[in-house]
Amino acid sequence: MSLTFLLLAIALLCALSFVFGRKRAIALSGGRFSNLHSLPIHYGTYTALWCGLPALALLIVWYALQGPVTEALVISDLPVEITSDPGKLSLALNAISLIAADNGHHLDVAPEVIEAGQRLAVLHSISNTALIVVLLAVALLGLGFSYRRILADMRARNNVERTVRYLMIGCSAIAILSTVGIVFSLLFEALHFFSKISPIEFLFGLEWSPQTAIRADQVASDGAFGMIPLFAGTLLITFIAMLVAVPVGLFSAIYMGEYASPRFRAWAKPALEVLAGVPTVVYGFFAALTVAPFLRDSGAVLGLSVSSESALAAGLVMGIMIIPFVSSLSDDVMSQVPQALRDGSYGLGATKSETIRLVIFPAALPGIVGAILLAVSRAIGETMIVVMAAGLAANLTANPLQAVTTVTVQIVTLLVGDQEFDSAKTLSAFALGLVLFLVTLGLNVFALKVVQKYREKYD
């Protein structure tokens, strides 16, 4: 039974519960809603919550426990020579899963494994059938319990608002715990990496070549894990992107918000925001096939040596990509500045440009800083454009005409394919992620300080 079908079934039961609860409340009111403590919609929502929430909680717990329980039951019937060897057990479990999914008839495995796969299929069938029965029973019990509790003086609105508040607290806790989990997962693996590589070498090293060998006698058995070239390339490309995105984005926002006619704004702003919806791989193709050859040919005409993959090409295209982030958000922020401030400036004899420069822009500065910070974060985290336009070479250079790489590109490169998570090469990706997280956190703190310094409150 698919999860989508079960969720749709729960949604249908919630809708029916809402209708039943609302009708019962209307019947108890005698045609006058003033006889009820709450509106009929609150009684319907109360019934729907009692029907849906226990069923959803059961569904989550069931799916969380179904896999481990059925796997443990299957493993208990396997021979000792399979369960005692982790490698054999892993291969057997993969074969059992394929057989249970009716995709493993071609496998040449032991009869015990075939029997285990067939048993797993039976267990899944029993589990799915039991889930449907128990799920319907829990939903109907919730419906019956809440339906019987509906009375004219019941505080349905208070109960619904309290439940919704608890749900929002739970969602907030999930978001916070997810962030904490991400940080600790990075921290633990980064500490494992630093137990192999010196933090001084990683933080201040000027060479990046994480090609560690598997055997001691293999060539290039000593890797170099200096992160400075990666962050230098990241900052160089981000700086070039900001040189493109910030002026163009701000000026376009000022024009569309203060100078453009409503008719021009109606089609110009959506057309500009289309850039935000273009996949990054398309920008990568544009950078690799159009911008990079153009820069190389132009450099040859001027007598400059421009690499086929350069930071300039990646930065220019990345700047074009993040123009909508700066433009749209800055336009929205400046449009929220009270009209009274504009009228007061005009009344004092200021021109439109002076009003924009001395009144609107300072008032909207906190929001504009936030828009620029979002654009910087977007540029730092971009991968596809850098891979296709700037390359993978970890060069420590400030020349935008040469090939560089970024932190995110190296993280992806290190974690692609079958990797051994006990080697310094793979663990270095987590160390890079941790440092990048701290750098981004520092940018957020700096932006918050700027926003607090220039924040103004208007009546």
Protein backbone atom coordinates (compact mmCIF):
# COMPACT_ATOMS: atom_id res chain seq x y z
CA MET A 1 0.00 0.00 0.00
CA SER A 2 1.51 3.28 -1.06
CA LEU A 3 2.06 6.12 1.37
CA THR A 4 0.22 8.52 -0.93
CA PHE A 5 -2.92 6.38 -0.83
CA LEU A 6 -2.82 6.24 2.98
CA LEU A 7 -2.37 10.01 3.26
CA LEU A 8 -5.27 10.59 0.88
CA ALA A 9 -7.41 8.19 2.92
CA ILE A 10 -6.58 10.06 6.12
CA ALA A 11 -7.37 13.39 4.42
CA LEU A 12 -10.74 12.03 3.26
CA LEU A 13 -11.58 10.81 6.76
CA CYS A 14 -10.62 14.22 8.18
CA ALA A 15 -12.90 15.93 5.67
CA LEU A 16 -15.79 13.64 6.60
CA SER A 17 -15.09 14.22 10.29
CA PHE A 18 -15.18 17.96 9.73
CA VAL A 19 -18.58 17.70 8.04
CA PHE A 20 -20.01 15.47 10.79
CA GLY A 21 -18.69 17.69 13.60
CA ARG A 22 -20.00 20.84 11.98
CA LYS A 23 -23.43 19.34 11.36
CA ARG A 24 -23.69 18.16 14.96
CA ALA A 25 -22.81 21.65 16.21
CA ILE A 26 -25.41 23.22 13.93
CA ALA A 27 -28.00 20.73 15.17
CA LEU A 28 -27.16 21.53 18.80
CA SER A 29 -27.46 25.26 18.14
CA GLY A 30 -31.10 24.99 17.14
CA GLY A 31 -30.51 27.42 14.31
CA ARG A 32 -28.91 30.09 16.55
CA PHE A 33 -25.12 30.08 16.68
CA SER A 34 -25.22 32.27 19.77
CA ASN A 35 -26.26 29.16 21.71
CA LEU A 36 -22.83 27.67 20.98
CA HIS A 37 -19.60 28.59 22.72
CA SER A 38 -17.70 28.48 19.40
CA LEU A 39 -18.53 28.66 15.73
CA PRO A 40 -19.58 25.43 13.97
CA ILE A 41 -16.34 25.50 11.96
CA HIS A 42 -14.38 25.12 15.22
CA TYR A 43 -16.36 22.03 16.18
CA GLY A 44 -15.73 20.57 12.73
CA THR A 45 -12.02 21.32 12.99
CA TYR A 46 -11.92 19.79 16.47
CA THR A 47 -13.40 16.54 15.13
CA ALA A 48 -11.07 16.50 12.12
CA LEU A 49 -8.01 16.96 14.32
CA TRP A 50 -9.00 14.09 16.59
CA CYS A 51 -9.52 11.89 13.55
CA GLY A 52 -6.36 12.83 11.64
CA LEU A 53 -3.62 13.48 14.19
CA PRO A 54 -3.67 10.06 15.93
CA ALA A 55 -3.79 8.35 12.53
CA LEU A 56 -0.81 10.37 11.27
CA ALA A 57 1.15 9.66 14.46
CA LEU A 58 0.44 5.93 14.06
CA LEU A 59 1.49 6.06 10.41
CA ILE A 60 4.83 7.69 11.26
CA VAL A 61 5.60 5.23 14.05
CA TRP A 62 4.55 2.25 11.93
CA TYR A 63 6.78 3.20 9.01
CA ALA A 64 9.67 3.91 11.39
CA LEU A 65 9.45 0.46 13.00
CA GLN A 66 8.31 -1.67 10.06
CA GLY A 67 11.72 -1.96 8.40
CA PRO A 68 13.82 -2.82 11.48
CA VAL A 69 11.23 -5.27 12.84
CA THR A 70 10.76 -7.20 9.59
CA GLU A 71 14.51 -7.23 8.98
CA ALA A 72 15.16 -8.61 12.46
CA LEU A 73 12.56 -11.35 11.92
CA VAL A 74 14.14 -12.32 8.61
CA ILE A 75 17.69 -12.30 9.99
CA SER A 76 16.66 -14.56 12.87
CA ASP A 77 15.88 -17.37 10.37
CA LEU A 78 19.13 -17.11 8.39
CA PRO A 79 21.94 -19.63 8.96
CA VAL A 80 24.73 -18.73 11.37
CA GLU A 81 27.39 -18.79 8.64
CA ILE A 82 25.59 -15.83 6.99
CA THR A 83 24.67 -13.79 10.07
CA SER A 84 28.15 -14.11 11.59
CA ASP A 85 29.83 -12.45 8.58
CA PRO A 86 28.85 -8.77 8.10
CA GLY A 87 29.80 -8.86 4.41
CA LYS A 88 27.76 -11.97 3.67
CA LEU A 89 24.86 -10.60 5.71
CA SER A 90 24.83 -7.34 3.74
CA LEU A 91 24.81 -9.20 0.41
CA ALA A 92 22.10 -11.54 1.66
CA LEU A 93 19.90 -8.65 2.80
CA ASN A 94 20.23 -6.99 -0.61
CA ALA A 95 19.22 -10.22 -2.32
CA ILE A 96 16.33 -10.70 0.11
CA SER A 97 15.05 -7.19 -0.62
CA LEU A 98 15.16 -7.83 -4.38
CA ILE A 99 13.37 -11.15 -4.01
CA ALA A 100 10.72 -9.59 -1.78
CA ALA A 101 10.18 -6.87 -4.41
CA ASP A 102 9.76 -9.60 -7.08
CA ASN A 103 12.91 -8.42 -8.84
CA GLY A 104 15.35 -11.14 -7.76
CA HIS A 105 14.30 -14.25 -9.65
CA HIS A 106 17.51 -14.11 -11.69
CA LEU A 107 19.78 -14.16 -8.62
CA ASP A 108 21.90 -17.22 -7.95
CA VAL A 109 21.66 -17.39 -4.15
CA ALA A 110 21.22 -20.04 -1.49
CA PRO A 111 17.76 -21.55 -0.90
CA GLU A 112 17.72 -20.04 2.58
CA VAL A 113 18.05 -16.56 1.11
CA ILE A 114 15.23 -17.24 -1.36
CA GLU A 115 12.99 -18.46 1.45
CA ALA A 116 13.89 -15.38 3.51
CA GLY A 117 12.98 -13.12 0.59
CA GLN A 118 9.64 -14.82 0.18
CA ARG A 119 9.01 -14.55 3.91
CA LEU A 120 9.89 -10.85 3.81
CA ALA A 121 7.31 -10.36 1.06
CA VAL A 122 4.69 -12.12 3.21
CA LEU A 123 5.62 -10.01 6.22
CA HIS A 124 5.30 -6.83 4.17
CA SER A 125 1.88 -7.92 2.96
CA ILE A 126 0.72 -8.72 6.48
CA SER A 127 2.14 -5.45 7.78
CA ASN A 128 0.42 -3.37 5.09
CA THR A 129 -2.93 -5.07 5.70
CA ALA A 130 -2.61 -4.63 9.45
CA LEU A 131 -1.64 -0.99 8.97
CA ILE A 132 -4.80 -0.28 6.97
CA VAL A 133 -7.02 -1.97 9.56
CA VAL A 134 -5.37 -0.32 12.56
CA LEU A 135 -5.24 3.05 10.82
CA LEU A 136 -8.96 2.98 10.04
CA ALA A 137 -9.73 1.83 13.56
CA VAL A 138 -7.72 4.64 15.15
CA ALA A 139 -9.25 7.26 12.85
CA LEU A 140 -12.78 6.04 13.51
CA LEU A 141 -12.16 5.88 17.25
CA GLY A 142 -10.91 9.47 17.17
CA LEU A 143 -13.96 10.48 15.17
CA GLY A 144 -16.36 8.75 17.56
CA PHE A 145 -14.62 10.13 20.66
CA SER A 146 -14.62 13.72 19.43
CA TYR A 147 -18.15 13.46 18.00
CA ARG A 148 -19.57 12.38 21.36
CA ARG A 149 -17.76 15.21 23.16
CA ILE A 150 -19.36 17.93 21.04
CA LEU A 151 -21.74 19.90 23.26
CA ALA A 152 -23.12 23.40 23.00
CA ASP A 153 -20.95 24.69 25.87
CA MET A 154 -17.74 22.87 24.83
CA ARG A 155 -14.80 25.23 24.24
CA ALA A 156 -14.03 23.93 20.77
CA ARG A 157 -12.20 27.06 19.63
CA ASN A 158 -9.89 26.99 22.65
CA ASN A 159 -9.10 23.31 22.09
CA VAL A 160 -8.40 23.84 18.39
CA GLU A 161 -6.16 26.84 19.00
CA ARG A 162 -4.27 24.99 21.72
CA THR A 163 -3.71 22.01 19.42
CA VAL A 164 -2.58 24.22 16.56
CA ARG A 165 -0.17 26.00 18.90
CA TYR A 166 1.32 22.68 19.98
CA LEU A 167 1.65 21.67 16.33
CA MET A 168 3.52 24.88 15.54
CA ILE A 169 5.78 24.35 18.55
CA GLY A 170 6.48 20.83 17.30
CA CYS A 171 7.32 22.10 13.81
CA SER A 172 9.63 24.72 15.30
CA ALA A 173 11.30 22.04 17.42
CA ILE A 174 11.81 19.86 14.35
CA ALA A 175 13.44 22.77 12.51
CA ILE A 176 15.72 23.55 15.47
CA LEU A 177 16.64 19.93 16.04
CA SER A 178 17.38 19.49 12.34
CA THR A 179 19.79 22.42 12.48
CA VAL A 180 21.42 21.04 15.62
CA GLY A 181 21.70 17.61 14.00
CA ILE A 182 23.35 19.06 10.90
CA VAL A 183 25.85 21.00 13.01
CA PHE A 184 26.75 18.01 15.18
CA SER A 185 27.06 15.68 12.19
CA LEU A 186 29.52 18.11 10.62
CA LEU A 187 31.32 18.64 13.92
CA PHE A 188 31.84 14.96 14.72
CA GLU A 189 33.16 14.07 11.27
CA ALA A 190 35.31 17.21 11.20
CA LEU A 191 36.85 16.25 14.54
CA HIS A 192 37.54 12.81 13.10
CA PHE A 193 39.31 14.51 10.19
CA PHE A 194 41.34 16.75 12.50
CA SER A 195 42.53 13.66 14.37
CA LYS A 196 44.25 12.65 11.12
CA ILE A 197 45.26 16.07 9.73
CA SER A 198 46.54 19.00 11.75
CA PRO A 199 44.03 21.89 12.03
CA ILE A 200 46.90 24.33 11.44
CA GLU A 201 47.74 22.62 8.16
CA PHE A 202 44.08 22.63 7.12
CA LEU A 203 43.27 26.22 8.09
CA PHE A 204 46.48 27.84 6.87
CA GLY A 205 47.82 25.46 4.23
CA LEU A 206 48.39 26.89 0.76
CA GLU A 207 48.06 23.64 -1.22
CA TRP A 208 45.00 21.47 -1.79
CA SER A 209 45.57 17.98 -3.17
CA PRO A 210 43.55 15.41 -1.18
CA GLN A 211 44.77 12.44 -3.25
CA THR A 212 45.71 10.10 -0.43
CA ALA A 213 46.76 6.59 -1.35
CA ILE A 214 45.17 3.37 -0.23
CA ARG A 215 48.53 1.55 0.11
CA ALA A 216 51.66 2.89 1.76
CA ASP A 217 53.80 2.17 -1.28
CA GLN A 218 51.47 3.92 -3.72
CA VAL A 219 52.59 7.08 -5.50
CA ALA A 220 51.32 10.35 -4.00
CA SER A 221 50.58 8.74 -0.66
CA ASP A 222 50.81 12.12 1.09
CA GLY A 223 47.97 14.53 0.36
CA ALA A 224 47.85 18.29 0.91
CA PHE A 225 44.79 19.62 2.77
CA GLY A 226 45.27 23.38 2.86
CA MET A 227 41.90 25.09 2.46
CA ILE A 228 43.20 28.57 1.60
CA PRO A 229 43.08 28.05 -2.21
CA LEU A 230 39.47 26.85 -2.01
CA PHE A 231 38.25 29.80 0.03
CA ALA A 232 40.25 32.20 -2.08
CA GLY A 233 38.54 30.87 -5.20
CA THR A 234 35.14 31.03 -3.48
CA LEU A 235 35.64 34.65 -2.43
CA LEU A 236 37.01 35.64 -5.84
CA ILE A 237 34.03 34.24 -7.75
CA THR A 238 31.57 35.62 -5.18
CA PHE A 239 33.18 39.08 -5.39
CA ILE A 240 32.89 39.11 -9.18
CA ALA A 241 29.27 37.96 -8.96
CA MET A 242 28.46 40.72 -6.47
CA LEU A 243 30.06 43.33 -8.72
CA VAL A 244 27.51 42.32 -11.35
CA ALA A 245 24.44 41.55 -9.26
CA VAL A 246 24.40 44.36 -6.68
CA PRO A 247 24.59 47.43 -8.96
CA VAL A 248 22.34 45.97 -11.65
CA GLY A 249 19.86 44.61 -9.11
CA LEU A 250 19.66 47.79 -7.05
CA PHE A 251 19.38 50.13 -10.04
CA SER A 252 16.71 47.96 -11.65
CA ALA A 253 14.80 47.89 -8.35
CA ILE A 254 15.01 51.69 -8.03
CA TYR A 255 13.86 52.18 -11.60
CA MET A 256 10.93 49.78 -11.41
CA GLY A 257 9.84 51.07 -8.00
CA GLU A 258 10.25 54.82 -8.48
CA TYR A 259 10.49 55.69 -12.17
CA ALA A 260 8.78 53.00 -14.28
CA SER A 261 5.14 53.24 -15.24
CA PRO A 262 2.75 50.63 -13.83
CA ARG A 263 2.33 49.16 -17.32
CA PHE A 264 6.08 48.68 -17.79
CA ARG A 265 6.50 47.31 -14.26
CA ALA A 266 3.69 44.79 -14.81
CA TRP A 267 5.71 42.88 -17.41
CA ALA A 268 9.30 43.91 -16.61
CA LYS A 269 9.41 42.59 -13.04
CA PRO A 270 8.05 39.09 -13.89
CA ALA A 271 10.42 38.93 -16.84
CA LEU A 272 13.34 39.74 -14.54
CA GLU A 273 12.25 37.18 -11.97
CA VAL A 274 12.23 34.47 -14.65
CA LEU A 275 16.03 34.45 -14.26
CA ALA A 276 15.59 33.04 -10.75
CA GLY A 277 13.70 30.03 -12.11
CA VAL A 278 16.27 29.00 -14.71
CA PRO A 279 18.11 25.81 -13.60
CA THR A 280 21.71 26.42 -12.63
CA VAL A 281 22.92 23.77 -15.06
CA VAL A 282 21.53 25.94 -17.89
CA TYR A 283 23.60 28.84 -16.60
CA GLY A 284 26.55 26.46 -16.50
CA PHE A 285 26.06 25.57 -20.16
CA PHE A 286 25.76 29.26 -21.02
CA ALA A 287 28.99 30.01 -19.14
CA ALA A 288 30.94 27.10 -20.64
CA LEU A 289 29.73 27.40 -24.24
CA THR A 290 29.23 31.15 -24.67
CA VAL A 291 30.80 33.35 -22.01
CA ALA A 292 34.08 31.46 -21.50
CA PRO A 293 34.92 31.23 -25.26
CA PHE A 294 33.98 34.89 -25.68
CA LEU A 295 36.32 35.94 -22.86
CA ARG A 296 39.10 33.73 -24.20
CA ASP A 297 38.81 35.14 -27.72
CA SER A 298 38.51 38.70 -26.45
CA GLY A 299 41.57 38.22 -24.27
CA ALA A 300 43.54 36.90 -27.25
CA VAL A 301 42.65 40.04 -29.22
CA LEU A 302 43.87 42.21 -26.34
CA GLY A 303 46.99 40.13 -25.80
CA LEU A 304 45.80 38.61 -22.53
CA SER A 305 46.08 34.96 -21.57
CA VAL A 306 42.58 33.88 -20.54
CA SER A 307 42.06 30.31 -19.42
CA SER A 308 39.31 28.22 -21.00
CA GLU A 309 37.88 27.88 -17.49
CA SER A 310 38.19 31.11 -15.53
CA ALA A 311 36.84 32.73 -12.40
CA LEU A 312 35.68 35.68 -14.49
CA ALA A 313 33.36 33.56 -16.62
CA ALA A 314 31.85 31.83 -13.60
CA GLY A 315 31.49 35.09 -11.67
CA LEU A 316 29.81 36.97 -14.52
CA VAL A 317 27.23 34.26 -15.14
CA MET A 318 26.66 33.75 -11.43
CA GLY A 319 26.07 37.49 -11.07
CA ILE A 320 23.44 37.34 -13.81
CA MET A 321 21.80 34.43 -12.02
CA ILE A 322 21.44 36.22 -8.66
CA ILE A 323 20.28 39.60 -10.05
CA PRO A 324 16.61 38.70 -9.31
CA PHE A 325 17.42 38.03 -5.64
CA VAL A 326 18.78 41.55 -5.19
CA SER A 327 16.31 43.29 -7.50
CA SER A 328 13.05 41.72 -6.42
CA LEU A 329 13.73 41.80 -2.68
CA SER A 330 15.09 45.36 -2.78
CA ASP A 331 12.07 46.49 -4.79
CA ASP A 332 9.71 44.90 -2.25
CA VAL A 333 11.53 46.54 0.64
CA MET A 334 11.60 50.01 -0.92
CA SER A 335 7.93 49.78 -1.82
CA GLN A 336 7.16 49.31 1.90
CA VAL A 337 8.63 52.71 2.81
CA PRO A 338 5.66 54.89 3.87
CA GLN A 339 4.38 57.28 1.22
CA ALA A 340 4.31 60.02 3.85
CA LEU A 341 8.11 60.08 3.87
CA ARG A 342 8.15 60.63 0.11
CA ASP A 343 5.53 63.37 0.32
CA GLY A 344 7.41 65.09 3.13
CA SER A 345 10.63 65.04 1.13
CA TYR A 346 8.90 66.44 -1.93
CA GLY A 347 7.23 69.08 0.22
CA LEU A 348 10.63 70.25 1.40
CA GLY A 349 11.72 70.76 -2.21
CA ALA A 350 13.76 67.61 -2.76
CA THR A 351 13.90 66.07 -6.20
CA LYS A 352 13.03 62.46 -6.91
CA SER A 353 16.67 61.39 -7.02
CA GLU A 354 17.41 63.21 -3.76
CA THR A 355 14.38 61.55 -2.14
CA ILE A 356 15.57 58.14 -3.25
CA ARG A 357 19.14 58.75 -2.07
CA LEU A 358 18.43 60.51 1.23
CA VAL A 359 15.07 59.11 2.35
CA ILE A 360 13.97 55.89 0.66
CA PHE A 361 17.33 54.15 0.46
CA PRO A 362 18.30 54.74 4.15
CA ALA A 363 14.84 53.66 5.29
CA ALA A 364 15.03 50.46 3.26
CA LEU A 365 18.69 49.75 4.04
CA PRO A 366 18.07 46.86 6.50
CA GLY A 367 16.02 44.99 3.91
CA ILE A 368 18.51 45.75 1.16
CA VAL A 369 21.34 44.39 3.32
CA GLY A 370 19.29 41.24 3.83
CA ALA A 371 18.76 40.90 0.06
CA ILE A 372 22.48 41.30 -0.61
CA LEU A 373 23.29 38.76 2.11
CA LEU A 374 20.89 36.28 0.50
CA ALA A 375 22.61 36.86 -2.82
CA VAL A 376 26.04 36.30 -1.24
CA SER A 377 24.86 33.06 0.35
CA ARG A 378 23.45 31.95 -2.99
CA ALA A 379 26.74 32.69 -4.70
CA ILE A 380 28.82 30.91 -2.06
CA GLY A 381 26.68 27.80 -2.30
CA GLU A 382 26.59 27.57 -6.10
CA THR A 383 28.22 24.49 -7.60
CA MET A 384 27.18 23.73 -11.19
CA ILE A 385 28.29 27.04 -12.72
CA VAL A 386 31.70 26.78 -11.05
CA VAL A 387 32.21 23.17 -12.17
CA MET A 388 31.39 23.96 -15.79
CA ALA A 389 32.96 27.42 -16.08
CA ALA A 390 35.75 27.68 -13.49
CA GLY A 391 37.00 24.10 -13.31
CA LEU A 392 38.37 21.96 -10.49
CA ALA A 393 41.91 23.34 -10.22
CA ALA A 394 42.68 24.57 -6.68
CA ASN A 395 44.85 27.53 -7.69
CA LEU A 396 45.76 30.18 -5.14
CA THR A 397 45.46 33.29 -7.28
CA ALA A 398 43.71 36.64 -7.40
CA ASN A 399 43.76 36.69 -11.20
CA PRO A 400 40.16 36.31 -12.44
CA LEU A 401 41.43 35.12 -15.83
CA GLN A 402 42.76 31.86 -14.38
CA ALA A 403 40.94 28.68 -13.38
CA VAL A 404 39.93 28.31 -9.72
CA THR A 405 37.58 26.17 -7.69
CA THR A 406 35.30 26.67 -4.70
CA VAL A 407 34.54 24.92 -1.43
CA THR A 408 31.19 23.52 -2.54
CA VAL A 409 32.66 22.06 -5.73
CA GLN A 410 35.34 20.24 -3.75
CA ILE A 411 32.77 18.92 -1.26
CA VAL A 412 30.74 17.44 -4.11
CA THR A 413 33.88 16.02 -5.75
CA LEU A 414 35.04 14.37 -2.53
CA LEU A 415 31.70 12.71 -1.83
CA VAL A 416 30.88 11.45 -5.34
CA GLY A 417 31.05 7.70 -5.94
CA ASP A 418 31.96 4.88 -3.57
CA GLN A 419 33.98 6.49 -0.80
CA GLU A 420 35.59 5.14 2.32
CA PHE A 421 34.43 7.36 5.17
CA ASP A 422 37.47 6.50 7.25
CA SER A 423 39.97 8.24 4.99
CA ALA A 424 41.20 11.80 5.38
CA LYS A 425 40.23 12.55 1.77
CA THR A 426 36.53 11.94 2.36
CA LEU A 427 36.45 13.39 5.87
CA SER A 428 37.94 16.63 4.58
CA ALA A 429 34.57 17.37 2.95
CA PHE A 430 32.99 17.62 6.41
CA ALA A 431 35.77 19.89 7.63
CA LEU A 432 35.19 22.16 4.64
CA GLY A 433 31.46 22.13 5.33
CA LEU A 434 32.01 23.09 8.96
CA VAL A 435 34.28 26.01 8.11
CA LEU A 436 31.85 27.16 5.40
CA PHE A 437 29.02 26.99 7.94
CA LEU A 438 31.00 29.16 10.37
CA VAL A 439 31.82 31.68 7.62
CA THR A 440 28.16 31.92 6.64
CA LEU A 441 27.19 32.32 10.30
CA GLY A 442 29.68 35.16 10.59
CA LEU A 443 28.12 36.87 7.56
CA ASN A 444 24.68 36.56 9.13
CA VAL A 445 25.87 38.05 12.41
CA PHE A 446 27.54 40.93 10.58
CA ALA A 447 24.39 41.61 8.55
CA LEU A 448 22.29 41.51 11.74
CA LYS A 449 24.52 44.12 13.32
CA VAL A 450 24.17 46.34 10.26
CA VAL A 451 20.40 45.94 10.26
CA GLN A 452 20.16 46.78 13.96
CA LYS A 453 22.34 49.85 13.54
CA TYR A 454 20.35 51.34 10.68
CA ARG A 455 16.89 50.11 11.62
CA GLU A 456 14.27 52.83 11.78
CA LYS A 457 10.72 52.56 13.09
CA TYR A 458 7.97 54.52 11.36
CA ASP A 459 4.41 55.14 12.52
